Amino acid sequence: MAGEHLNINEIGWTQIKPGADRITIHGEKCSAVMNKIAFGFPEFYHQHSNEQISYIVRGQCDFTVGEELYHASQGDFILIPSNTIHNATVTGGTECIMLDIFAPVRAEFPPSNKKGYPGSASQ
């Protein structure tokens, strides 16, 4: 895989469900996923085999990771071990934007629709 420069303004958000949008970029060994979650979006407890690191870009949310509850806001990181049940609930009355890094690659997430991006529908 060659290096590449991608500009967030040239990559389209993909709506996952009303109130949840994401941008997905895959490398060889990890995925970066920018999530934009609306205040009031329903809880979504889940787990996956990927290790996850979440960084709060803007807004606030409460992360439940296993039995622990973390109040996170802009500038905070949350580490989520693989196979751990977790959820993020947006707080503060406004949307939350977070950057999630997954290792290994989160292969079930299609890459975002940047024209010419390897694997994108607009390639």
PDB file of N, CA and C in Angstrom:
ATOM      1  N   MET A   1       0.852  -1.187   0.000  1.00  0.00           N
ATOM      2  CA  MET A   1       0.000   0.000   0.000  1.00  0.00           C
ATOM      3  C   MET A   1       0.883   1.232   0.000  1.00  0.00           C
ATOM      4  N   ALA A   2       0.622   2.136  -0.917  1.00  0.00           N
ATOM      5  CA  ALA A   2       1.360   3.401  -0.993  1.00  0.00           C
ATOM      6  C   ALA A   2       0.772   4.394   0.001  1.00  0.00           C
ATOM      7  N   GLY A   3       1.570   5.367   0.370  1.00  0.00           N
ATOM      8  CA  GLY A   3       1.052   6.437   1.213  1.00  0.00           C
ATOM      9  C   GLY A   3      -0.001   7.228   0.450  1.00  0.00           C
ATOM     10  N   GLU A   4      -0.799   7.956   1.197  1.00  0.00           N
ATOM     11  CA  GLU A   4      -1.867   8.718   0.556  1.00  0.00           C
ATOM     12  C   GLU A   4      -2.255   9.881   1.458  1.00  0.00           C
ATOM     13  N   HIS A   5      -2.697  10.975   0.842  1.00  0.00           N
ATOM     14  CA  HIS A   5      -3.212  12.121   1.571  1.00  0.00           C
ATOM     15  C   HIS A   5      -4.702  12.223   1.268  1.00  0.00           C
ATOM     16  N   LEU A   6      -5.520  12.276   2.292  1.00  0.00           N
ATOM     17  CA  LEU A   6      -6.973  12.391   2.129  1.00  0.00           C
ATOM     18  C   LEU A   6      -7.450  13.608   2.901  1.00  0.00           C
ATOM     19  N   ASN A   7      -8.306  14.406   2.283  1.00  0.00           N
ATOM     20  CA  ASN A   7      -8.849  15.598   2.909  1.00  0.00           C
ATOM     21  C   ASN A   7     -10.290  15.316   3.323  1.00  0.00           C
ATOM     22  N   ILE A   8     -10.602  15.533   4.594  1.00  0.00           N
ATOM     23  CA  ILE A   8     -11.942  15.226   5.113  1.00  0.00           C
ATOM     24  C   ILE A   8     -13.037  15.953   4.333  1.00  0.00           C
ATOM     25  N   ASN A   9     -12.725  17.120   3.783  1.00  0.00           N
ATOM     26  CA  ASN A   9     -13.727  17.873   3.028  1.00  0.00           C
ATOM     27  C   ASN A   9     -14.027  17.262   1.663  1.00  0.00           C
ATOM     28  N   GLU A  10     -13.173  16.336   1.215  1.00  0.00           N
ATOM     29  CA  GLU A  10     -13.379  15.669  -0.063  1.00  0.00           C
ATOM     30  C   GLU A  10     -13.979  14.276   0.103  1.00  0.00           C
ATOM     31  N   ILE A  11     -14.221  13.888   1.325  1.00  0.00           N
ATOM     32  CA  ILE A  11     -14.775  12.568   1.609  1.00  0.00           C
ATOM     33  C   ILE A  11     -16.197  12.760   2.121  1.00  0.00           C
ATOM     34  N   GLY A  12     -17.137  12.047   1.560  1.00  0.00           N
ATOM     35  CA  GLY A  12     -18.519  12.209   1.987  1.00  0.00           C
ATOM     36  C   GLY A  12     -18.841  11.412   3.244  1.00  0.00           C
ATOM     37  N   TRP A  13     -19.688  11.994   4.085  1.00  0.00           N
ATOM     38  CA  TRP A  13     -20.216  11.278   5.242  1.00  0.00           C
ATOM     39  C   TRP A  13     -21.191  10.220   4.730  1.00  0.00           C
ATOM     40  N   THR A  14     -21.180   9.061   5.353  1.00  0.00           N
ATOM     41  CA  THR A  14     -22.120   7.997   5.045  1.00  0.00           C
ATOM     42  C   THR A  14     -23.106   7.896   6.202  1.00  0.00           C
ATOM     43  N   GLN A  15     -24.408   8.024   5.904  1.00  0.00           N
ATOM     44  CA  GLN A  15     -25.401   7.889   6.974  1.00  0.00           C
ATOM     45  C   GLN A  15     -25.582   6.410   7.285  1.00  0.00           C
ATOM     46  N   ILE A  16     -25.405   6.065   8.549  1.00  0.00           N
ATOM     47  CA  ILE A  16     -25.577   4.688   8.997  1.00  0.00           C
ATOM     48  C   ILE A  16     -27.033   4.473   9.389  1.00  0.00           C
ATOM     49  N   LYS A  17     -27.554   5.399  10.160  1.00  0.00           N
ATOM     50  CA  LYS A  17     -28.957   5.468  10.578  1.00  0.00           C
ATOM     51  C   LYS A  17     -29.245   6.944  10.776  1.00  0.00           C
ATOM     52  N   PRO A  18     -30.503   7.344  10.778  1.00  0.00           N
ATOM     53  CA  PRO A  18     -30.778   8.754  11.077  1.00  0.00           C
ATOM     54  C   PRO A  18     -30.138   9.146  12.421  1.00  0.00           C
ATOM     55  N   GLY A  19     -29.315  10.168  12.386  1.00  0.00           N
ATOM     56  CA  GLY A  19     -28.634  10.620  13.602  1.00  0.00           C
ATOM     57  C   GLY A  19     -27.242  10.052  13.775  1.00  0.00           C
ATOM     58  N   ALA A  20     -26.791   9.201  12.847  1.00  0.00           N
ATOM     59  CA  ALA A  20     -25.454   8.623  12.941  1.00  0.00           C
ATOM     60  C   ALA A  20     -24.814   8.584  11.555  1.00  0.00           C
ATOM     61  N   ASP A  21     -23.727   9.333  11.401  1.00  0.00           N
ATOM     62  CA  ASP A  21     -22.982   9.395  10.140  1.00  0.00           C
ATOM     63  C   ASP A  21     -21.531   9.053  10.414  1.00  0.00           C
ATOM     64  N   ARG A  22     -20.833   8.533   9.388  1.00  0.00           N
ATOM     65  CA  ARG A  22     -19.427   8.221   9.590  1.00  0.00           C
ATOM     66  C   ARG A  22     -18.641   8.365   8.296  1.00  0.00           C
ATOM     67  N   ILE A  23     -17.340   8.541   8.482  1.00  0.00           N
ATOM     68  CA  ILE A  23     -16.348   8.510   7.419  1.00  0.00           C
ATOM     69  C   ILE A  23     -15.381   7.395   7.793  1.00  0.00           C
ATOM     70  N   THR A  24     -15.131   6.482   6.878  1.00  0.00           N
ATOM     71  CA  THR A  24     -14.265   5.333   7.152  1.00  0.00           C
ATOM     72  C   THR A  24     -13.083   5.321   6.197  1.00  0.00           C
ATOM     73  N   ILE A  25     -11.902   5.175   6.760  1.00  0.00           N
ATOM     74  CA  ILE A  25     -10.661   5.053   5.996  1.00  0.00           C
ATOM     75  C   ILE A  25      -9.950   3.798   6.501  1.00  0.00           C
ATOM     76  N   HIS A  26      -9.501   2.963   5.579  1.00  0.00           N
ATOM     77  CA  HIS A  26      -8.778   1.746   5.952  1.00  0.00           C
ATOM     78  C   HIS A  26      -7.313   1.829   5.548  1.00  0.00           C
ATOM     79  N   GLY A  27      -6.458   1.418   6.463  1.00  0.00           N
ATOM     80  CA  GLY A  27      -5.060   1.173   6.154  1.00  0.00           C
ATOM     81  C   GLY A  27      -4.862  -0.332   6.000  1.00  0.00           C
ATOM     82  N   GLU A  28      -3.637  -0.770   6.028  1.00  0.00           N
ATOM     83  CA  GLU A  28      -3.375  -2.204   5.925  1.00  0.00           C
ATOM     84  C   GLU A  28      -3.724  -2.936   7.216  1.00  0.00           C
ATOM     85  N   LYS A  29      -3.493  -2.305   8.375  1.00  0.00           N
ATOM     86  CA  LYS A  29      -3.636  -3.000   9.655  1.00  0.00           C
ATOM     87  C   LYS A  29      -4.597  -2.334  10.625  1.00  0.00           C
ATOM     88  N   CYS A  30      -5.167  -1.194  10.243  1.00  0.00           N
ATOM     89  CA  CYS A  30      -6.110  -0.526  11.135  1.00  0.00           C
ATOM     90  C   CYS A  30      -7.107   0.278  10.319  1.00  0.00           C
ATOM     91  N   SER A  31      -8.177   0.691  10.971  1.00  0.00           N
ATOM     92  CA  SER A  31      -9.197   1.545  10.363  1.00  0.00           C
ATOM     93  C   SER A  31      -9.364   2.794  11.214  1.00  0.00           C
ATOM     94  N   ALA A  32      -9.616   3.913  10.546  1.00  0.00           N
ATOM     95  CA  ALA A  32      -9.964   5.162  11.220  1.00  0.00           C
ATOM     96  C   ALA A  32     -11.392   5.501  10.810  1.00  0.00           C
ATOM     97  N   VAL A  33     -12.238   5.739  11.812  1.00  0.00           N
ATOM     98  CA  VAL A  33     -13.653   6.003  11.555  1.00  0.00           C
ATOM     99  C   VAL A  33     -14.047   7.259  12.317  1.00  0.00           C
ATOM    100  N   MET A  34     -14.451   8.301  11.572  1.00  0.00           N
ATOM    101  CA  MET A  34     -14.958   9.521  12.180  1.00  0.00           C
ATOM    102  C   MET A  34     -16.468   9.361  12.296  1.00  0.00           C
ATOM    103  N   ASN A  35     -16.991   9.454  13.502  1.00  0.00           N
ATOM    104  CA  ASN A  35     -18.427   9.307  13.750  1.00  0.00           C
ATOM    105  C   ASN A  35     -19.025  10.638  14.174  1.00  0.00           C
ATOM    106  N   LYS A  36     -20.187  10.948  13.630  1.00  0.00           N
ATOM    107  CA  LYS A  36     -20.957  12.141  14.027  1.00  0.00           C
ATOM    108  C   LYS A  36     -22.290  11.601  14.535  1.00  0.00           C
ATOM    109  N   ILE A  37     -22.518  11.704  15.843  1.00  0.00           N
ATOM    110  CA  ILE A  37     -23.693  11.120  16.486  1.00  0.00           C
ATOM    111  C   ILE A  37     -24.545  12.236  17.086  1.00  0.00           C
ATOM    112  N   ALA A  38     -25.830  12.229  16.760  1.00  0.00           N
ATOM    113  CA  ALA A  38     -26.751  13.255  17.252  1.00  0.00           C
ATOM    114  C   ALA A  38     -27.124  12.999  18.710  1.00  0.00           C
ATOM    115  N   PHE A  39     -27.371  14.091  19.437  1.00  0.00           N
ATOM    116  CA  PHE A  39     -27.905  13.984  20.790  1.00  0.00           C
ATOM    117  C   PHE A  39     -29.257  13.265  20.700  1.00  0.00           C
ATOM    118  N   GLY A  40     -29.498  12.316  21.578  1.00  0.00           N
ATOM    119  CA  GLY A  40     -30.748  11.562  21.576  1.00  0.00           C
ATOM    120  C   GLY A  40     -30.695  10.277  20.769  1.00  0.00           C
ATOM    121  N   PHE A  41     -29.563  10.007  20.108  1.00  0.00           N
ATOM    122  CA  PHE A  41     -29.433   8.758  19.360  1.00  0.00           C
ATOM    123  C   PHE A  41     -29.550   7.592  20.347  1.00  0.00           C
ATOM    124  N   PRO A  42     -30.302   6.541  19.991  1.00  0.00           N
ATOM    125  CA  PRO A  42     -30.524   5.443  20.948  1.00  0.00           C
ATOM    126  C   PRO A  42     -29.243   4.698  21.311  1.00  0.00           C
ATOM    127  N   GLU A  43     -29.239   4.117  22.491  1.00  0.00           N
ATOM    128  CA  GLU A  43     -28.098   3.321  22.936  1.00  0.00           C
ATOM    129  C   GLU A  43     -27.878   2.157  21.988  1.00  0.00           C
ATOM    130  N   PHE A  44     -26.616   1.776  21.838  1.00  0.00           N
ATOM    131  CA  PHE A  44     -26.259   0.667  20.966  1.00  0.00           C
ATOM    132  C   PHE A  44     -25.110  -0.100  21.611  1.00  0.00           C
ATOM    133  N   TYR A  45     -25.452  -0.969  22.558  1.00  0.00           N
ATOM    134  CA  TYR A  45     -24.448  -1.801  23.202  1.00  0.00           C
ATOM    135  C   TYR A  45     -24.009  -2.869  22.211  1.00  0.00           C
ATOM    136  N   HIS A  46     -22.699  -3.043  22.080  1.00  0.00           N
ATOM    137  CA  HIS A  46     -22.167  -4.006  21.129  1.00  0.00           C
ATOM    138  C   HIS A  46     -20.745  -4.387  21.534  1.00  0.00           C
ATOM    139  N   GLN A  47     -20.221  -5.375  20.842  1.00  0.00           N
ATOM    140  CA  GLN A  47     -18.831  -5.763  21.023  1.00  0.00           C
ATOM    141  C   GLN A  47     -18.301  -6.269  19.690  1.00  0.00           C
ATOM    142  N   HIS A  48     -16.983  -6.255  19.564  1.00  0.00           N
ATOM    143  CA  HIS A  48     -16.333  -6.745  18.350  1.00  0.00           C
ATOM    144  C   HIS A  48     -14.929  -7.191  18.716  1.00  0.00           C
ATOM    145  N   SER A  49     -14.332  -7.933  17.811  1.00  0.00           N
ATOM    146  CA  SER A  49     -13.001  -8.480  18.087  1.00  0.00           C
ATOM    147  C   SER A  49     -11.903  -7.429  17.944  1.00  0.00           C
ATOM    148  N   ASN A  50     -12.216  -6.274  17.397  1.00  0.00           N
ATOM    149  CA  ASN A  50     -11.222  -5.217  17.211  1.00  0.00           C
ATOM    150  C   ASN A  50     -10.962  -4.473  18.512  1.00  0.00           C
ATOM    151  N   GLU A  51      -9.712  -4.138  18.761  1.00  0.00           N
ATOM    152  CA  GLU A  51      -9.393  -3.180  19.810  1.00  0.00           C
ATOM    153  C   GLU A  51      -9.804  -1.815  19.287  1.00  0.00           C
ATOM    154  N   GLN A  52     -10.289  -0.926  20.161  1.00  0.00           N
ATOM    155  CA  GLN A  52     -10.777   0.381  19.731  1.00  0.00           C
ATOM    156  C   GLN A  52     -10.219   1.467  20.641  1.00  0.00           C
ATOM    157  N   ILE A  53      -9.782   2.545  20.021  1.00  0.00           N
ATOM    158  CA  ILE A  53      -9.411   3.755  20.754  1.00  0.00           C
ATOM    159  C   ILE A  53     -10.289   4.869  20.206  1.00  0.00           C
ATOM    160  N   SER A  54     -11.039   5.533  21.070  1.00  0.00           N
ATOM    161  CA  SER A  54     -11.919   6.627  20.665  1.00  0.00           C
ATOM    162  C   SER A  54     -11.360   7.942  21.193  1.00  0.00           C
ATOM    163  N   TYR A  55     -11.380   8.945  20.328  1.00  0.00           N
ATOM    164  CA  TYR A  55     -10.950  10.295  20.690  1.00  0.00           C
ATOM    165  C   TYR A  55     -12.120  11.242  20.439  1.00  0.00           C
ATOM    166  N   ILE A  56     -12.480  12.030  21.441  1.00  0.00           N
ATOM    167  CA  ILE A  56     -13.596  12.957  21.309  1.00  0.00           C
ATOM    168  C   ILE A  56     -13.085  14.246  20.656  1.00  0.00           C
ATOM    169  N   VAL A  57     -13.533  14.470  19.427  1.00  0.00           N
ATOM    170  CA  VAL A  57     -13.141  15.650  18.659  1.00  0.00           C
ATOM    171  C   VAL A  57     -13.962  16.853  19.101  1.00  0.00           C
ATOM    172  N   ARG A  58     -15.269  16.637  19.283  1.00  0.00           N
ATOM    173  CA  ARG A  58     -16.171  17.727  19.682  1.00  0.00           C
ATOM    174  C   ARG A  58     -17.362  17.123  20.408  1.00  0.00           C
ATOM    175  N   GLY A  59     -17.836  17.812  21.429  1.00  0.00           N
ATOM    176  CA  GLY A  59     -19.020  17.368  22.157  1.00  0.00           C
ATOM    177  C   GLY A  59     -18.684  16.552  23.389  1.00  0.00           C
ATOM    178  N   GLN A  60     -19.711  15.858  23.881  1.00  0.00           N
ATOM    179  CA  GLN A  60     -19.583  15.066  25.103  1.00  0.00           C
ATOM    180  C   GLN A  60     -20.361  13.772  24.950  1.00  0.00           C
ATOM    181  N   CYS A  61     -19.869  12.730  25.588  1.00  0.00           N
ATOM    182  CA  CYS A  61     -20.634  11.491  25.635  1.00  0.00           C
ATOM    183  C   CYS A  61     -20.192  10.667  26.837  1.00  0.00           C
ATOM    184  N   ASP A  62     -21.090   9.793  27.258  1.00  0.00           N
ATOM    185  CA  ASP A  62     -20.790   8.832  28.316  1.00  0.00           C
ATOM    186  C   ASP A  62     -20.504   7.498  27.657  1.00  0.00           C
ATOM    187  N   PHE A  63     -19.341   6.946  27.950  1.00  0.00           N
ATOM    188  CA  PHE A  63     -18.962   5.635  27.442  1.00  0.00           C
ATOM    189  C   PHE A  63     -19.152   4.603  28.540  1.00  0.00           C
ATOM    190  N   THR A  64     -19.871   3.556  28.231  1.00  0.00           N
ATOM    191  CA  THR A  64     -19.908   2.378  29.101  1.00  0.00           C
ATOM    192  C   THR A  64     -18.986   1.362  28.450  1.00  0.00           C
ATOM    193  N   VAL A  65     -17.986   0.931  29.194  1.00  0.00           N
ATOM    194  CA  VAL A  65     -17.017  -0.054  28.712  1.00  0.00           C
ATOM    195  C   VAL A  65     -16.981  -1.163  29.744  1.00  0.00           C
ATOM    196  N   GLY A  66     -17.588  -2.299  29.392  1.00  0.00           N
ATOM    197  CA  GLY A  66     -17.743  -3.357  30.384  1.00  0.00           C
ATOM    198  C   GLY A  66     -18.618  -2.842  31.505  1.00  0.00           C
ATOM    199  N   GLU A  67     -18.104  -2.850  32.725  1.00  0.00           N
ATOM    200  CA  GLU A  67     -18.853  -2.385  33.895  1.00  0.00           C
ATOM    201  C   GLU A  67     -18.524  -0.936  34.268  1.00  0.00           C
ATOM    202  N   GLU A  68     -17.623  -0.303  33.525  1.00  0.00           N
ATOM    203  CA  GLU A  68     -17.173   1.057  33.849  1.00  0.00           C
ATOM    204  C   GLU A  68     -17.928   2.104  33.039  1.00  0.00           C
ATOM    205  N   LEU A  69     -18.149   3.275  33.650  1.00  0.00           N
ATOM    206  CA  LEU A  69     -18.769   4.414  32.979  1.00  0.00           C
ATOM    207  C   LEU A  69     -17.762   5.563  32.977  1.00  0.00           C
ATOM    208  N   TYR A  70     -17.520   6.125  31.788  1.00  0.00           N
ATOM    209  CA  TYR A  70     -16.582   7.238  31.634  1.00  0.00           C
ATOM    210  C   TYR A  70     -17.317   8.426  31.026  1.00  0.00           C
ATOM    211  N   HIS A  71     -17.170   9.596  31.646  1.00  0.00           N
ATOM    212  CA  HIS A  71     -17.733  10.836  31.110  1.00  0.00           C
ATOM    213  C   HIS A  71     -16.635  11.469  30.255  1.00  0.00           C
ATOM    214  N   ALA A  72     -16.862  11.548  28.954  1.00  0.00           N
ATOM    215  CA  ALA A  72     -15.818  12.007  28.037  1.00  0.00           C
ATOM    216  C   ALA A  72     -16.258  13.285  27.334  1.00  0.00           C
ATOM    217  N   SER A  73     -15.291  14.163  27.096  1.00  0.00           N
ATOM    218  CA  SER A  73     -15.552  15.396  26.360  1.00  0.00           C
ATOM    219  C   SER A  73     -14.352  15.698  25.473  1.00  0.00           C
ATOM    220  N   GLN A  74     -14.462  16.764  24.715  1.00  0.00           N
ATOM    221  CA  GLN A  74     -13.445  17.123  23.742  1.00  0.00           C
ATOM    222  C   GLN A  74     -12.040  16.956  24.311  1.00  0.00           C
ATOM    223  N   GLY A  75     -11.204  16.224  23.572  1.00  0.00           N
ATOM    224  CA  GLY A  75      -9.821  16.016  23.977  1.00  0.00           C
ATOM    225  C   GLY A  75      -9.574  14.736  24.748  1.00  0.00           C
ATOM    226  N   ASP A  76     -10.630  14.008  25.113  1.00  0.00           N
ATOM    227  CA  ASP A  76     -10.469  12.771  25.876  1.00  0.00           C
ATOM    228  C   ASP A  76     -10.329  11.554  24.968  1.00  0.00           C
ATOM    229  N   PHE A  77      -9.588  10.572  25.441  1.00  0.00           N
ATOM    230  CA  PHE A  77      -9.458   9.271  24.798  1.00  0.00           C
ATOM    231  C   PHE A  77     -10.155   8.218  25.643  1.00  0.00           C
ATOM    232  N   ILE A  78     -10.746   7.242  24.999  1.00  0.00           N
ATOM    233  CA  ILE A  78     -11.320   6.080  25.669  1.00  0.00           C
ATOM    234  C   ILE A  78     -10.702   4.843  25.008  1.00  0.00           C
ATOM    235  N   LEU A  79     -10.177   3.934  25.804  1.00  0.00           N
ATOM    236  CA  LEU A  79      -9.607   2.690  25.289  1.00  0.00           C
ATOM    237  C   LEU A  79     -10.584   1.558  25.556  1.00  0.00           C
ATOM    238  N   ILE A  80     -10.893   0.801  24.506  1.00  0.00           N
ATOM    239  CA  ILE A  80     -11.875  -0.281  24.597  1.00  0.00           C
ATOM    240  C   ILE A  80     -11.202  -1.570  24.150  1.00  0.00           C
ATOM    241  N   PRO A  81     -10.959  -2.501  25.083  1.00  0.00           N
ATOM    242  CA  PRO A  81     -10.330  -3.769  24.698  1.00  0.00           C
ATOM    243  C   PRO A  81     -11.220  -4.576  23.757  1.00  0.00           C
ATOM    244  N   SER A  82     -10.611  -5.446  22.986  1.00  0.00           N
ATOM    245  CA  SER A  82     -11.376  -6.304  22.089  1.00  0.00           C
ATOM    246  C   SER A  82     -12.354  -7.163  22.885  1.00  0.00           C
ATOM    247  N   ASN A  83     -13.462  -7.484  22.244  1.00  0.00           N
ATOM    248  CA  ASN A  83     -14.502  -8.354  22.808  1.00  0.00           C
ATOM    249  C   ASN A  83     -15.123  -7.828  24.103  1.00  0.00           C
ATOM    250  N   THR A  84     -15.115  -6.511  24.299  1.00  0.00           N
ATOM    251  CA  THR A  84     -15.708  -5.891  25.490  1.00  0.00           C
ATOM    252  C   THR A  84     -16.992  -5.180  25.089  1.00  0.00           C
ATOM    253  N   ILE A  85     -18.081  -5.476  25.778  1.00  0.00           N
ATOM    254  CA  ILE A  85     -19.356  -4.804  25.500  1.00  0.00           C
ATOM    255  C   ILE A  85     -19.207  -3.327  25.856  1.00  0.00           C
ATOM    256  N   HIS A  86     -19.666  -2.448  24.930  1.00  0.00           N
ATOM    257  CA  HIS A  86     -19.529  -1.009  25.149  1.00  0.00           C
ATOM    258  C   HIS A  86     -20.624  -0.241  24.425  1.00  0.00           C
ATOM    259  N   ASN A  87     -20.744   1.029  24.805  1.00  0.00           N
ATOM    260  CA  ASN A  87     -21.759   1.923  24.254  1.00  0.00           C
ATOM    261  C   ASN A  87     -21.291   3.358  24.491  1.00  0.00           C
ATOM    262  N   ALA A  88     -21.680   4.257  23.574  1.00  0.00           N
ATOM    263  CA  ALA A  88     -21.449   5.694  23.774  1.00  0.00           C
ATOM    264  C   ALA A  88     -22.793   6.392  23.696  1.00  0.00           C
ATOM    265  N   THR A  89     -23.133   7.148  24.739  1.00  0.00           N
ATOM    266  CA  THR A  89     -24.377   7.919  24.783  1.00  0.00           C
ATOM    267  C   THR A  89     -24.017   9.397  24.738  1.00  0.00           C
ATOM    268  N   VAL A  90     -24.502  10.098  23.727  1.00  0.00           N
ATOM    269  CA  VAL A  90     -24.195  11.524  23.572  1.00  0.00           C
ATOM    270  C   VAL A  90     -24.902  12.312  24.671  1.00  0.00           C
ATOM    271  N   THR A  91     -24.161  13.188  25.317  1.00  0.00           N
ATOM    272  CA  THR A  91     -24.692  14.042  26.380  1.00  0.00           C
ATOM    273  C   THR A  91     -24.439  15.498  26.000  1.00  0.00           C
ATOM    274  N   GLY A  92     -24.877  16.422  26.801  1.00  0.00           N
ATOM    275  CA  GLY A  92     -24.578  17.829  26.578  1.00  0.00           C
ATOM    276  C   GLY A  92     -25.511  18.540  25.612  1.00  0.00           C
ATOM    277  N   GLY A  93     -26.512  17.847  25.081  1.00  0.00           N
ATOM    278  CA  GLY A  93     -27.525  18.510  24.269  1.00  0.00           C
ATOM    279  C   GLY A  93     -27.145  18.803  22.836  1.00  0.00           C
ATOM    280  N   THR A  94     -25.973  18.383  22.388  1.00  0.00           N
ATOM    281  CA  THR A  94     -25.557  18.629  21.007  1.00  0.00           C
ATOM    282  C   THR A  94     -24.855  17.394  20.478  1.00  0.00           C
ATOM    283  N   GLU A  95     -24.573  17.365  19.178  1.00  0.00           N
ATOM    284  CA  GLU A  95     -23.926  16.192  18.592  1.00  0.00           C
ATOM    285  C   GLU A  95     -22.526  15.988  19.152  1.00  0.00           C
ATOM    286  N   CYS A  96     -22.044  14.780  18.980  1.00  0.00           N
ATOM    287  CA  CYS A  96     -20.684  14.434  19.374  1.00  0.00           C
ATOM    288  C   CYS A  96     -19.969  13.891  18.144  1.00  0.00           C
ATOM    289  N   ILE A  97     -18.758  14.374  17.928  1.00  0.00           N
ATOM    290  CA  ILE A  97     -17.918  13.845  16.856  1.00  0.00           C
ATOM    291  C   ILE A  97     -16.740  13.163  17.515  1.00  0.00           C
ATOM    292  N   MET A  98     -16.546  11.896  17.137  1.00  0.00           N
ATOM    293  CA  MET A  98     -15.434  11.137  17.707  1.00  0.00           C
ATOM    294  C   MET A  98     -14.681  10.413  16.604  1.00  0.00           C
ATOM    295  N   LEU A  99     -13.401  10.263  16.817  1.00  0.00           N
ATOM    296  CA  LEU A  99     -12.551   9.513  15.910  1.00  0.00           C
ATOM    297  C   LEU A  99     -12.247   8.181  16.573  1.00  0.00           C
ATOM    298  N   ASP A 100     -12.631   7.089  15.901  1.00  0.00           N
ATOM    299  CA  ASP A 100     -12.358   5.749  16.409  1.00  0.00           C
ATOM    300  C   ASP A 100     -11.267   5.107  15.569  1.00  0.00           C
ATOM    301  N   ILE A 101     -10.282   4.537  16.229  1.00  0.00           N
ATOM    302  CA  ILE A 101      -9.231   3.771  15.569  1.00  0.00           C
ATOM    303  C   ILE A 101      -9.445   2.306  15.958  1.00  0.00           C
ATOM    304  N   PHE A 102      -9.495   1.445  14.960  1.00  0.00           N
ATOM    305  CA  PHE A 102      -9.718   0.019  15.173  1.00  0.00           C
ATOM    306  C   PHE A 102      -8.520  -0.771  14.661  1.00  0.00           C
ATOM    307  N   ALA A 103      -8.105  -1.773  15.421  1.00  0.00           N
ATOM    308  CA  ALA A 103      -7.087  -2.722  14.963  1.00  0.00           C
ATOM    309  C   ALA A 103      -7.540  -4.122  15.375  1.00  0.00           C
ATOM    310  N   PRO A 104      -7.507  -5.072  14.476  1.00  0.00           N
ATOM    311  CA  PRO A 104      -7.155  -4.902  13.065  1.00  0.00           C
ATOM    312  C   PRO A 104      -8.242  -4.137  12.310  1.00  0.00           C
ATOM    313  N   VAL A 105      -8.100  -4.082  10.987  1.00  0.00           N
ATOM    314  CA  VAL A 105      -9.044  -3.369  10.121  1.00  0.00           C
ATOM    315  C   VAL A 105     -10.466  -3.799  10.417  1.00  0.00           C
ATOM    316  N   ARG A 106     -11.372  -2.839  10.450  1.00  0.00           N
ATOM    317  CA  ARG A 106     -12.811  -3.111  10.643  1.00  0.00           C
ATOM    318  C   ARG A 106     -13.412  -3.391   9.258  1.00  0.00           C
ATOM    319  N   ALA A 107     -13.142  -4.574   8.744  1.00  0.00           N
ATOM    320  CA  ALA A 107     -13.423  -4.926   7.350  1.00  0.00           C
ATOM    321  C   ALA A 107     -14.898  -4.827   6.985  1.00  0.00           C
ATOM    322  N   GLU A 108     -15.811  -4.982   7.955  1.00  0.00           N
ATOM    323  CA  GLU A 108     -17.235  -4.924   7.636  1.00  0.00           C
ATOM    324  C   GLU A 108     -17.724  -3.500   7.369  1.00  0.00           C
ATOM    325  N   PHE A 109     -16.894  -2.487   7.654  1.00  0.00           N
ATOM    326  CA  PHE A 109     -17.250  -1.102   7.351  1.00  0.00           C
ATOM    327  C   PHE A 109     -16.716  -0.761   5.967  1.00  0.00           C
ATOM    328  N   PRO A 110     -17.593  -0.441   5.019  1.00  0.00           N
ATOM    329  CA  PRO A 110     -17.086  -0.046   3.703  1.00  0.00           C
ATOM    330  C   PRO A 110     -16.369   1.298   3.792  1.00  0.00           C
ATOM    331  N   PRO A 111     -15.341   1.499   2.967  1.00  0.00           N
ATOM    332  CA  PRO A 111     -14.666   2.801   2.984  1.00  0.00           C
ATOM    333  C   PRO A 111     -15.611   3.886   2.513  1.00  0.00           C
ATOM    334  N   SER A 112     -15.386   5.108   2.969  1.00  0.00           N
ATOM    335  CA  SER A 112     -16.243   6.226   2.572  1.00  0.00           C
ATOM    336  C   SER A 112     -16.087   6.530   1.097  1.00  0.00           C
ATOM    337  N   ASN A 113     -17.041   7.253   0.593  1.00  0.00           N
ATOM    338  CA  ASN A 113     -17.214   7.419  -0.840  1.00  0.00           C
ATOM    339  C   ASN A 113     -16.420   8.600  -1.402  1.00  0.00           C
ATOM    340  N   LYS A 114     -15.091   8.507  -1.346  1.00  0.00           N
ATOM    341  CA  LYS A 114     -14.240   9.519  -1.966  1.00  0.00           C
ATOM    342  C   LYS A 114     -13.924   9.057  -3.377  1.00  0.00           C
ATOM    343  N   LYS A 115     -14.131   9.911  -4.332  1.00  0.00           N
ATOM    344  CA  LYS A 115     -13.856   9.544  -5.717  1.00  0.00           C
ATOM    345  C   LYS A 115     -12.403   9.083  -5.851  1.00  0.00           C
ATOM    346  N   GLY A 116     -12.250   7.870  -6.360  1.00  0.00           N
ATOM    347  CA  GLY A 116     -10.924   7.330  -6.578  1.00  0.00           C
ATOM    348  C   GLY A 116     -10.336   6.621  -5.387  1.00  0.00           C
ATOM    349  N   TYR A 117     -10.995   6.655  -4.220  1.00  0.00           N
ATOM    350  CA  TYR A 117     -10.459   5.971  -3.041  1.00  0.00           C
ATOM    351  C   TYR A 117     -10.513   4.470  -3.277  1.00  0.00           C
ATOM    352  N   PRO A 118      -9.429   3.738  -3.061  1.00  0.00           N
ATOM    353  CA  PRO A 118      -9.435   2.299  -3.326  1.00  0.00           C
ATOM    354  C   PRO A 118     -10.593   1.606  -2.606  1.00  0.00           C
ATOM    355  N   GLY A 119     -11.380   0.871  -3.347  1.00  0.00           N
ATOM    356  CA  GLY A 119     -12.492   0.132  -2.769  1.00  0.00           C
ATOM    357  C   GLY A 119     -13.784   0.926  -2.691  1.00  0.00           C
ATOM    358  N   SER A 120     -13.769   2.210  -3.056  1.00  0.00           N
ATOM    359  CA  SER A 120     -15.001   2.995  -2.973  1.00  0.00           C
ATOM    360  C   SER A 120     -15.879   2.755  -4.188  1.00  0.00           C
ATOM    361  N   ALA A 121     -17.159   3.024  -4.027  1.00  0.00           N
ATOM    362  CA  ALA A 121     -18.115   2.832  -5.118  1.00  0.00           C
ATOM    363  C   ALA A 121     -17.847   3.795  -6.259  1.00  0.00           C
ATOM    364  N   SER A 122     -17.209   4.909  -6.001  1.00  0.00           N
ATOM    365  CA  SER A 122     -16.997   5.915  -7.046  1.00  0.00           C
ATOM    366  C   SER A 122     -15.625   5.808  -7.676  1.00  0.00           C
ATOM    367  N   GLN A 123     -14.936   4.722  -7.442  1.00  0.00           N
ATOM    368  CA  GLN A 123     -13.572   4.549  -7.948  1.00  0.00           C
ATOM    369  C   GLN A 123     -13.530   4.566  -9.450  1.00  0.00           C
TER     370      GLN A 123
END
